[in-house]
């Protein structure tokens, strides 16, 4: 696999991780707004986990990829 292929694969992986994190945050917001019939604490947990996933999971992935070379 060429360097460009690896870079493209990693780029799209990061974008997918961020999109999933936004979906988790959005689900939390829907729950907190009482648009989904679940307890509010579940919405809060999803909102916090989604934000953490959005900011820290891509950083962690890049760190792991740098270890691989």
PDB file of N, CA and C in Angstrom:
ATOM      1  N   UNK A   1       0.844  -1.172   0.000  1.00  0.00           N
ATOM      2  CA  UNK A   1       0.000   0.000   0.000  1.00  0.00           C
ATOM      3  C   UNK A   1       0.893   1.240   0.000  1.00  0.00           C
ATOM      4  N   UNK A   2       0.574   2.211  -0.819  1.00  0.00           N
ATOM      5  CA  UNK A   2       1.397   3.416  -0.912  1.00  0.00           C
ATOM      6  C   UNK A   2       1.120   4.357   0.266  1.00  0.00           C
ATOM      7  N   UNK A   3       1.993   5.324   0.419  1.00  0.00           N
ATOM      8  CA  UNK A   3       1.844   6.308   1.499  1.00  0.00           C
ATOM      9  C   UNK A   3       0.536   7.083   1.363  1.00  0.00           C
ATOM     10  N   UNK A   4       0.172   7.404   0.125  1.00  0.00           N
ATOM     11  CA  UNK A   4      -1.077   8.140  -0.105  1.00  0.00           C
ATOM     12  C   UNK A   4      -2.284   7.318   0.285  1.00  0.00           C
ATOM     13  N   UNK A   5      -2.268   6.022   0.001  1.00  0.00           N
ATOM     14  CA  UNK A   5      -3.384   5.152   0.366  1.00  0.00           C
ATOM     15  C   UNK A   5      -3.527   5.053   1.879  1.00  0.00           C
ATOM     16  N   UNK A   6      -2.416   4.941   2.558  1.00  0.00           N
ATOM     17  CA  UNK A   6      -2.446   4.860   4.017  1.00  0.00           C
ATOM     18  C   UNK A   6      -2.965   6.167   4.602  1.00  0.00           C
ATOM     19  N   UNK A   7      -2.494   7.285   4.084  1.00  0.00           N
ATOM     20  CA  UNK A   7      -2.933   8.593   4.573  1.00  0.00           C
ATOM     21  C   UNK A   7      -4.424   8.795   4.334  1.00  0.00           C
ATOM     22  N   UNK A   8      -4.908   8.396   3.165  1.00  0.00           N
ATOM     23  CA  UNK A   8      -6.335   8.534   2.858  1.00  0.00           C
ATOM     24  C   UNK A   8      -7.178   7.656   3.774  1.00  0.00           C
ATOM     25  N   UNK A   9      -6.715   6.432   4.006  1.00  0.00           N
ATOM     26  CA  UNK A   9      -7.445   5.520   4.889  1.00  0.00           C
ATOM     27  C   UNK A   9      -7.519   6.082   6.308  1.00  0.00           C
ATOM     28  N   UNK A  10      -6.428   6.626   6.786  1.00  0.00           N
ATOM     29  CA  UNK A  10      -6.404   7.206   8.129  1.00  0.00           C
ATOM     30  C   UNK A  10      -7.276   8.450   8.208  1.00  0.00           C
ATOM     31  N   UNK A  11      -7.245   9.268   7.167  1.00  0.00           N
ATOM     32  CA  UNK A  11      -8.084  10.463   7.134  1.00  0.00           C
ATOM     33  C   UNK A  11      -9.552  10.092   7.244  1.00  0.00           C
ATOM     34  N   UNK A  12      -9.992   9.130   6.444  1.00  0.00           N
ATOM     35  CA  UNK A  12     -11.404   8.755   6.466  1.00  0.00           C
ATOM     36  C   UNK A  12     -11.785   8.040   7.759  1.00  0.00           C
ATOM     37  N   UNK A  13     -10.837   7.364   8.371  1.00  0.00           N
ATOM     38  CA  UNK A  13     -11.095   6.756   9.671  1.00  0.00           C
ATOM     39  C   UNK A  13     -11.347   7.843  10.715  1.00  0.00           C
ATOM     40  N   UNK A  14     -10.521   8.876  10.697  1.00  0.00           N
ATOM     41  CA  UNK A  14     -10.719   9.985  11.636  1.00  0.00           C
ATOM     42  C   UNK A  14     -12.060  10.686  11.409  1.00  0.00           C
ATOM     43  N   UNK A  15     -12.434  10.848  10.147  1.00  0.00           N
ATOM     44  CA  UNK A  15     -13.710  11.498   9.858  1.00  0.00           C
ATOM     45  C   UNK A  15     -14.887  10.641  10.326  1.00  0.00           C
ATOM     46  N   UNK A  16     -14.779   9.335  10.160  1.00  0.00           N
ATOM     47  CA  UNK A  16     -15.847   8.437  10.614  1.00  0.00           C
ATOM     48  C   UNK A  16     -15.966   8.452  12.131  1.00  0.00           C
ATOM     49  N   UNK A  17     -14.834   8.482  12.818  1.00  0.00           N
ATOM     50  CA  UNK A  17     -14.852   8.544  14.284  1.00  0.00           C
ATOM     51  C   UNK A  17     -15.524   9.834  14.740  1.00  0.00           C
ATOM     52  N   UNK A  18     -15.186  10.931  14.118  1.00  0.00           N
ATOM     53  CA  UNK A  18     -15.797  12.214  14.493  1.00  0.00           C
ATOM     54  C   UNK A  18     -17.293  12.229  14.187  1.00  0.00           C
ATOM     55  N   UNK A  19     -17.693  11.660  13.069  1.00  0.00           N
ATOM     56  CA  UNK A  19     -19.117  11.623  12.719  1.00  0.00           C
ATOM     57  C   UNK A  19     -19.902  10.773  13.722  1.00  0.00           C
ATOM     58  N   UNK A  20     -19.341   9.659  14.122  1.00  0.00           N
ATOM     59  CA  UNK A  20     -20.003   8.811  15.118  1.00  0.00           C
ATOM     60  C   UNK A  20     -20.099   9.527  16.457  1.00  0.00           C
ATOM     61  N   UNK A  21     -19.066  10.256  16.817  1.00  0.00           N
ATOM     62  CA  UNK A  21     -19.092  11.014  18.071  1.00  0.00           C
ATOM     63  C   UNK A  21     -20.176  12.087  18.031  1.00  0.00           C
ATOM     64  N   UNK A  22     -20.322  12.746  16.898  1.00  0.00           N
ATOM     65  CA  UNK A  22     -21.388  13.743  16.768  1.00  0.00           C
ATOM     66  C   UNK A  22     -22.764  13.099  16.855  1.00  0.00           C
ATOM     67  N   UNK A  23     -22.910  11.899  16.319  1.00  0.00           N
ATOM     68  CA  UNK A  23     -24.183  11.194  16.407  1.00  0.00           C
ATOM     69  C   UNK A  23     -24.515  10.842  17.860  1.00  0.00           C
ATOM     70  N   UNK A  24     -23.508  10.447  18.622  1.00  0.00           N
ATOM     71  CA  UNK A  24     -23.722  10.141  20.036  1.00  0.00           C
ATOM     72  C   UNK A  24     -24.123  11.410  20.785  1.00  0.00           C
ATOM     73  N   UNK A  25     -23.436  12.525  20.519  1.00  0.00           N
ATOM     74  CA  UNK A  25     -23.803  13.803  21.144  1.00  0.00           C
ATOM     75  C   UNK A  25     -25.225  14.211  20.779  1.00  0.00           C
ATOM     76  N   UNK A  26     -25.572  14.049  19.527  1.00  0.00           N
ATOM     77  CA  UNK A  26     -26.907  14.407  19.063  1.00  0.00           C
ATOM     78  C   UNK A  26     -27.972  13.555  19.753  1.00  0.00           C
ATOM     79  N   UNK A  27     -27.687  12.268  19.923  1.00  0.00           N
ATOM     80  CA  UNK A  27     -28.626  11.402  20.644  1.00  0.00           C
ATOM     81  C   UNK A  27     -28.795  11.883  22.081  1.00  0.00           C
ATOM     82  N   UNK A  28     -27.704  12.277  22.705  1.00  0.00           N
ATOM     83  CA  UNK A  28     -27.783  12.810  24.062  1.00  0.00           C
ATOM     84  C   UNK A  28     -28.616  14.073  24.134  1.00  0.00           C
ATOM     85  N   UNK A  29     -28.446  14.951  23.161  1.00  0.00           N
ATOM     86  CA  UNK A  29     -29.228  16.193  23.121  1.00  0.00           C
ATOM     87  C   UNK A  29     -30.706  15.884  22.935  1.00  0.00           C
ATOM     88  N   UNK A  30     -31.031  14.947  22.069  1.00  0.00           N
ATOM     89  CA  UNK A  30     -32.433  14.570  21.859  1.00  0.00           C
ATOM     90  C   UNK A  30     -33.055  14.032  23.145  1.00  0.00           C
ATOM     91  N   UNK A  31     -32.300  13.251  23.886  1.00  0.00           N
ATOM     92  CA  UNK A  31     -32.807  12.708  25.143  1.00  0.00           C
ATOM     93  C   UNK A  31     -32.997  13.824  26.161  1.00  0.00           C
ATOM     94  N   UNK A  32     -32.016  14.724  26.263  1.00  0.00           N
ATOM     95  CA  UNK A  32     -32.125  15.831  27.213  1.00  0.00           C
ATOM     96  C   UNK A  32     -33.270  16.774  26.866  1.00  0.00           C
ATOM     97  N   UNK A  33     -33.611  16.882  25.600  1.00  0.00           N
ATOM     98  CA  UNK A  33     -34.715  17.740  25.164  1.00  0.00           C
ATOM     99  C   UNK A  33     -36.066  17.033  25.268  1.00  0.00           C
ATOM    100  N   UNK A  34     -36.083  15.840  25.826  1.00  0.00           N
ATOM    101  CA  UNK A  34     -37.305  15.028  25.991  1.00  0.00           C
ATOM    102  C   UNK A  34     -37.968  14.677  24.662  1.00  0.00           C
ATOM    103  N   UNK A  35     -37.185  14.584  23.621  1.00  0.00           N
ATOM    104  CA  UNK A  35     -37.713  14.130  22.336  1.00  0.00           C
ATOM    105  C   UNK A  35     -37.620  12.612  22.211  1.00  0.00           C
ATOM    106  N   UNK A  36     -36.839  11.997  23.097  1.00  0.00           N
ATOM    107  CA  UNK A  36     -36.715  10.544  23.181  1.00  0.00           C
ATOM    108  C   UNK A  36     -37.014  10.176  24.629  1.00  0.00           C
ATOM    109  N   UNK A  37     -37.856   9.169  24.809  1.00  0.00           N
ATOM    110  CA  UNK A  37     -38.332   8.806  26.149  1.00  0.00           C
ATOM    111  C   UNK A  37     -37.311   7.954  26.894  1.00  0.00           C
ATOM    112  N   UNK A  38     -36.259   8.597  27.362  1.00  0.00           N
ATOM    113  CA  UNK A  38     -35.253   7.965  28.210  1.00  0.00           C
ATOM    114  C   UNK A  38     -34.935   8.924  29.342  1.00  0.00           C
ATOM    115  N   UNK A  39     -34.405   8.427  30.442  1.00  0.00           N
ATOM    116  CA  UNK A  39     -34.064   9.325  31.555  1.00  0.00           C
ATOM    117  C   UNK A  39     -33.011  10.361  31.140  1.00  0.00           C
ATOM    118  N   UNK A  40     -33.088  11.524  31.754  1.00  0.00           N
ATOM    119  CA  UNK A  40     -32.191  12.623  31.403  1.00  0.00           C
ATOM    120  C   UNK A  40     -30.728  12.276  31.673  1.00  0.00           C
ATOM    121  N   UNK A  41     -30.465  11.474  32.704  1.00  0.00           N
ATOM    122  CA  UNK A  41     -29.068  11.156  32.992  1.00  0.00           C
ATOM    123  C   UNK A  41     -28.429  10.351  31.864  1.00  0.00           C
ATOM    124  N   UNK A  42     -29.227   9.561  31.149  1.00  0.00           N
ATOM    125  CA  UNK A  42     -28.709   8.819  29.995  1.00  0.00           C
ATOM    126  C   UNK A  42     -28.283   9.811  28.904  1.00  0.00           C
ATOM    127  N   UNK A  43     -29.096  10.824  28.693  1.00  0.00           N
ATOM    128  CA  UNK A  43     -28.748  11.846  27.716  1.00  0.00           C
ATOM    129  C   UNK A  43     -27.489  12.595  28.100  1.00  0.00           C
ATOM    130  N   UNK A  44     -27.353  12.894  29.378  1.00  0.00           N
ATOM    131  CA  UNK A  44     -26.152  13.570  29.846  1.00  0.00           C
ATOM    132  C   UNK A  44     -24.910  12.726  29.658  1.00  0.00           C
ATOM    133  N   UNK A  45     -25.040  11.451  29.973  1.00  0.00           N
ATOM    134  CA  UNK A  45     -23.908  10.536  29.797  1.00  0.00           C
ATOM    135  C   UNK A  45     -23.522  10.445  28.323  1.00  0.00           C
ATOM    136  N   UNK A  46     -24.511  10.311  27.442  1.00  0.00           N
ATOM    137  CA  UNK A  46     -24.210  10.236  26.011  1.00  0.00           C
ATOM    138  C   UNK A  46     -23.573  11.522  25.498  1.00  0.00           C
ATOM    139  N   UNK A  47     -24.055  12.640  25.989  1.00  0.00           N
ATOM    140  CA  UNK A  47     -23.501  13.918  25.556  1.00  0.00           C
ATOM    141  C   UNK A  47     -22.038  14.040  25.963  1.00  0.00           C
ATOM    142  N   UNK A  48     -21.733  13.699  27.197  1.00  0.00           N
ATOM    143  CA  UNK A  48     -20.347  13.788  27.682  1.00  0.00           C
ATOM    144  C   UNK A  48     -19.455  12.776  26.958  1.00  0.00           C
ATOM    145  N   UNK A  49     -19.931  11.536  26.827  1.00  0.00           N
ATOM    146  CA  UNK A  49     -19.128  10.516  26.145  1.00  0.00           C
ATOM    147  C   UNK A  49     -18.889  10.878  24.679  1.00  0.00           C
ATOM    148  N   UNK A  50     -19.896  11.412  24.028  1.00  0.00           N
ATOM    149  CA  UNK A  50     -19.727  11.827  22.636  1.00  0.00           C
ATOM    150  C   UNK A  50     -18.705  12.941  22.494  1.00  0.00           C
ATOM    151  N   UNK A  51     -18.732  13.910  23.425  1.00  0.00           N
ATOM    152  CA  UNK A  51     -17.760  14.997  23.376  1.00  0.00           C
ATOM    153  C   UNK A  51     -16.345  14.471  23.625  1.00  0.00           C
ATOM    154  N   UNK A  52     -16.201  13.587  24.603  1.00  0.00           N
ATOM    155  CA  UNK A  52     -14.884  13.000  24.865  1.00  0.00           C
ATOM    156  C   UNK A  52     -14.394  12.200  23.667  1.00  0.00           C
ATOM    157  N   UNK A  53     -15.313  11.445  23.065  1.00  0.00           N
ATOM    158  CA  UNK A  53     -14.952  10.659  21.879  1.00  0.00           C
ATOM    159  C   UNK A  53     -14.530  11.580  20.734  1.00  0.00           C
ATOM    160  N   UNK A  54     -15.225  12.671  20.555  1.00  0.00           N
ATOM    161  CA  UNK A  54     -14.925  13.592  19.457  1.00  0.00           C
ATOM    162  C   UNK A  54     -13.536  14.201  19.601  1.00  0.00           C
ATOM    163  N   UNK A  55     -13.164  14.584  20.829  1.00  0.00           N
ATOM    164  CA  UNK A  55     -11.908  15.291  21.014  1.00  0.00           C
ATOM    165  C   UNK A  55     -10.716  14.383  21.282  1.00  0.00           C
ATOM    166  N   UNK A  56     -10.924  13.249  21.962  1.00  0.00           N
ATOM    167  CA  UNK A  56      -9.783  12.465  22.397  1.00  0.00           C
ATOM    168  C   UNK A  56      -9.533  11.193  21.599  1.00  0.00           C
ATOM    169  N   UNK A  57     -10.537  10.598  21.006  1.00  0.00           N
ATOM    170  CA  UNK A  57     -10.311   9.374  20.246  1.00  0.00           C
ATOM    171  C   UNK A  57      -9.463   9.618  18.996  1.00  0.00           C
ATOM    172  N   UNK A  58      -9.698  10.679  18.220  1.00  0.00           N
ATOM    173  CA  UNK A  58      -8.793  10.922  17.083  1.00  0.00           C
ATOM    174  C   UNK A  58      -7.350  11.160  17.526  1.00  0.00           C
ATOM    175  N   UNK A  59      -7.159  11.884  18.618  1.00  0.00           N
ATOM    176  CA  UNK A  59      -5.820  12.110  19.150  1.00  0.00           C
ATOM    177  C   UNK A  59      -5.157  10.786  19.525  1.00  0.00           C
ATOM    178  N   UNK A  60      -5.914   9.905  20.175  1.00  0.00           N
ATOM    179  CA  UNK A  60      -5.395   8.605  20.560  1.00  0.00           C
ATOM    180  C   UNK A  60      -5.030   7.765  19.328  1.00  0.00           C
ATOM    181  N   UNK A  61      -5.876   7.788  18.312  1.00  0.00           N
ATOM    182  CA  UNK A  61      -5.591   7.034  17.087  1.00  0.00           C
ATOM    183  C   UNK A  61      -4.307   7.535  16.417  1.00  0.00           C
ATOM    184  N   UNK A  62      -4.148   8.839  16.321  1.00  0.00           N
ATOM    185  CA  UNK A  62      -2.935   9.398  15.703  1.00  0.00           C
ATOM    186  C   UNK A  62      -1.708   8.990  16.504  1.00  0.00           C
ATOM    187  N   UNK A  63      -1.821   9.033  17.818  1.00  0.00           N
ATOM    188  CA  UNK A  63      -0.712   8.626  18.676  1.00  0.00           C
ATOM    189  C   UNK A  63      -0.331   7.168  18.426  1.00  0.00           C
ATOM    190  N   UNK A  64      -1.321   6.286  18.280  1.00  0.00           N
ATOM    191  CA  UNK A  64      -1.059   4.881  18.019  1.00  0.00           C
ATOM    192  C   UNK A  64      -0.449   4.673  16.625  1.00  0.00           C
ATOM    193  N   UNK A  65      -0.941   5.426  15.650  1.00  0.00           N
ATOM    194  CA  UNK A  65      -0.405   5.299  14.302  1.00  0.00           C
ATOM    195  C   UNK A  65       1.057   5.749  14.244  1.00  0.00           C
ATOM    196  N   UNK A  66       1.406   6.765  15.014  1.00  0.00           N
ATOM    197  CA  UNK A  66       2.797   7.223  15.045  1.00  0.00           C
ATOM    198  C   UNK A  66       3.708   6.177  15.669  1.00  0.00           C
ATOM    199  N   UNK A  67       3.191   5.413  16.623  1.00  0.00           N
ATOM    200  CA  UNK A  67       3.984   4.337  17.225  1.00  0.00           C
ATOM    201  C   UNK A  67       4.283   3.247  16.208  1.00  0.00           C
ATOM    202  N   UNK A  68       3.320   3.007  15.315  1.00  0.00           N
ATOM    203  CA  UNK A  68       3.498   1.961  14.300  1.00  0.00           C
ATOM    204  C   UNK A  68       4.522   2.336  13.233  1.00  0.00           C
ATOM    205  N   UNK A  69       4.712   3.612  13.073  1.00  0.00           N
ATOM    206  CA  UNK A  69       5.724   4.013  12.100  1.00  0.00           C
ATOM    207  C   UNK A  69       5.166   4.805  11.029  1.00  0.00           C
TER     208      UNK A  69
END
